[in-house]
């Protein structure tokens, strides 16, 4: 039986590759020979020229957010713009919520009223 393919990313090259999943093998970028990051099977890569989208992706990956399918479909909400990332990171700093968890929020709760 063939193994399903999953996505791996090289952030410096802004490149994504679909390869069979295997924990025992380190994947390297064919362009720069750096280690690839396993991002999951529900990942859709932005265009190489879209630097803002790759910056957003970089923040997500460095926070530990990945794109794995769940039992009910895709990976859930992921921010697509730097402003959405900033909004969630600000919320995480103020609330004490872990960055990865805040980045996966569909909506950011409004600030509590000040007395």
Protein backbone atom coordinates (compact mmCIF):
# COMPACT_ATOMS: atom_id res chain seq x y z
CA UNK A 1 0.00 0.00 0.00
CA UNK A 2 1.37 3.41 -0.96
CA UNK A 3 1.83 6.01 1.74
CA UNK A 4 -0.04 9.27 1.48
CA UNK A 5 2.03 12.33 0.71
CA UNK A 6 2.35 15.30 2.99
CA UNK A 7 3.86 18.76 2.56
CA UNK A 8 7.32 19.97 3.52
CA UNK A 9 8.46 23.60 3.26
CA UNK A 10 11.75 25.46 2.87
CA UNK A 11 11.19 29.00 4.16
CA UNK A 12 14.40 30.59 2.77
CA UNK A 13 13.65 29.28 -0.75
CA UNK A 14 9.88 29.83 -0.41
CA UNK A 15 9.28 26.34 -1.78
CA UNK A 16 6.92 23.50 -0.84
CA UNK A 17 7.28 19.83 -1.69
CA UNK A 18 4.89 16.88 -1.40
CA UNK A 19 6.66 13.75 -0.21
CA UNK A 20 5.72 10.52 1.53
CA UNK A 21 5.69 10.92 5.30
CA UNK A 22 8.32 9.15 7.34
CA UNK A 23 9.69 10.02 10.77
CA UNK A 24 12.95 8.17 10.21
CA UNK A 25 14.23 10.34 7.35
CA UNK A 26 15.34 13.98 7.44
CA UNK A 27 14.10 15.85 4.34
CA UNK A 28 16.39 18.46 2.75
CA UNK A 29 15.61 21.19 0.25
CA UNK A 30 16.82 20.35 -3.26
CA UNK A 31 17.65 24.05 -3.81
CA UNK A 32 19.66 24.98 -0.70
CA UNK A 33 20.19 21.65 1.16
CA UNK A 34 18.67 23.02 4.39
CA UNK A 35 16.26 20.93 6.45
CA UNK A 36 12.63 21.04 5.31
CA UNK A 37 9.82 21.71 7.80
CA UNK A 38 6.96 19.20 7.90
CA UNK A 39 3.78 21.29 7.64
CA UNK A 40 1.07 18.65 7.15
CA UNK A 41 -1.13 17.22 4.44
CA UNK A 42 -3.73 20.04 4.45
CA UNK A 43 -1.18 22.72 3.47
CA UNK A 44 -1.57 24.92 0.39
CA UNK A 45 1.58 26.89 -0.43
CA UNK A 46 1.38 30.58 -1.31
CA UNK A 47 2.94 31.81 -4.54
CA UNK A 48 6.70 32.22 -4.33
CA UNK A 49 6.47 35.98 -5.06
CA UNK A 50 3.95 36.58 -2.26
CA UNK A 51 6.46 37.64 0.41
CA UNK A 52 3.78 38.75 2.90
CA UNK A 53 2.13 35.33 2.81
CA UNK A 54 5.49 33.61 3.34
CA UNK A 55 6.23 35.91 6.31
CA UNK A 56 2.86 35.01 7.78
CA UNK A 57 3.59 31.32 7.21
CA UNK A 58 6.99 31.71 8.86
CA UNK A 59 5.40 33.16 12.02
CA UNK A 60 2.87 30.31 12.12
CA UNK A 61 5.51 27.60 11.68
CA UNK A 62 7.90 29.11 14.24
CA UNK A 63 5.01 29.23 16.75
CA UNK A 64 4.40 25.52 16.19
CA UNK A 65 1.23 25.77 14.10
CA UNK A 66 0.90 23.08 11.42
CA UNK A 67 -1.66 22.14 8.76
CA UNK A 68 -2.74 18.60 9.63
CA UNK A 69 -6.19 17.32 8.72
CA UNK A 70 -8.59 16.65 11.55
CA UNK A 71 -11.25 13.98 11.71
CA UNK A 72 -13.85 16.45 10.40
CA UNK A 73 -11.94 18.01 7.52
CA UNK A 74 -9.13 20.52 7.23
CA UNK A 75 -6.78 21.98 9.81
CA UNK A 76 -9.14 24.72 10.99
CA UNK A 77 -8.58 28.44 10.89
CA UNK A 78 -5.14 29.86 10.09
CA UNK A 79 -4.40 33.61 9.68
CA UNK A 80 -3.59 34.65 6.11
CA UNK A 81 -2.29 38.18 6.61
CA UNK A 82 0.30 39.81 8.84
CA UNK A 83 -2.38 42.05 10.35
CA UNK A 84 -4.37 38.97 11.44
CA UNK A 85 -1.17 37.54 12.95
CA UNK A 86 -0.39 40.80 14.79
CA UNK A 87 -3.92 40.96 16.18
CA UNK A 88 -3.67 37.42 17.55
CA UNK A 89 -0.14 37.88 18.90
CA UNK A 90 -1.24 41.04 20.76
CA UNK A 91 -4.17 39.13 22.22
CA UNK A 92 -1.84 36.29 23.30
CA UNK A 93 0.54 38.70 25.05
CA UNK A 94 -2.31 40.42 26.91
CA UNK A 95 -4.24 37.29 27.84
CA UNK A 96 -1.33 34.95 28.54
CA UNK A 97 -2.66 32.42 26.03
CA UNK A 98 0.06 30.44 24.18
CA UNK A 99 0.94 31.96 20.78
CA UNK A 100 0.12 28.78 18.82
CA UNK A 101 -3.33 28.60 20.39
CA UNK A 102 -4.03 32.29 19.79
CA UNK A 103 -2.93 32.02 16.15
CA UNK A 104 -5.50 29.27 15.56
CA UNK A 105 -8.41 31.38 16.87
CA UNK A 106 -11.05 32.22 14.27
CA UNK A 107 -12.03 35.35 16.17
CA UNK A 108 -10.12 37.31 18.76
CA UNK A 109 -12.26 38.22 21.78
CA UNK A 110 -12.65 41.93 22.32
CA UNK A 111 -10.73 43.46 25.20
CA UNK A 112 -12.53 43.40 28.55
CA UNK A 113 -14.04 46.75 29.52
CA UNK A 114 -11.87 48.93 31.73
CA UNK A 115 -13.32 50.39 34.91
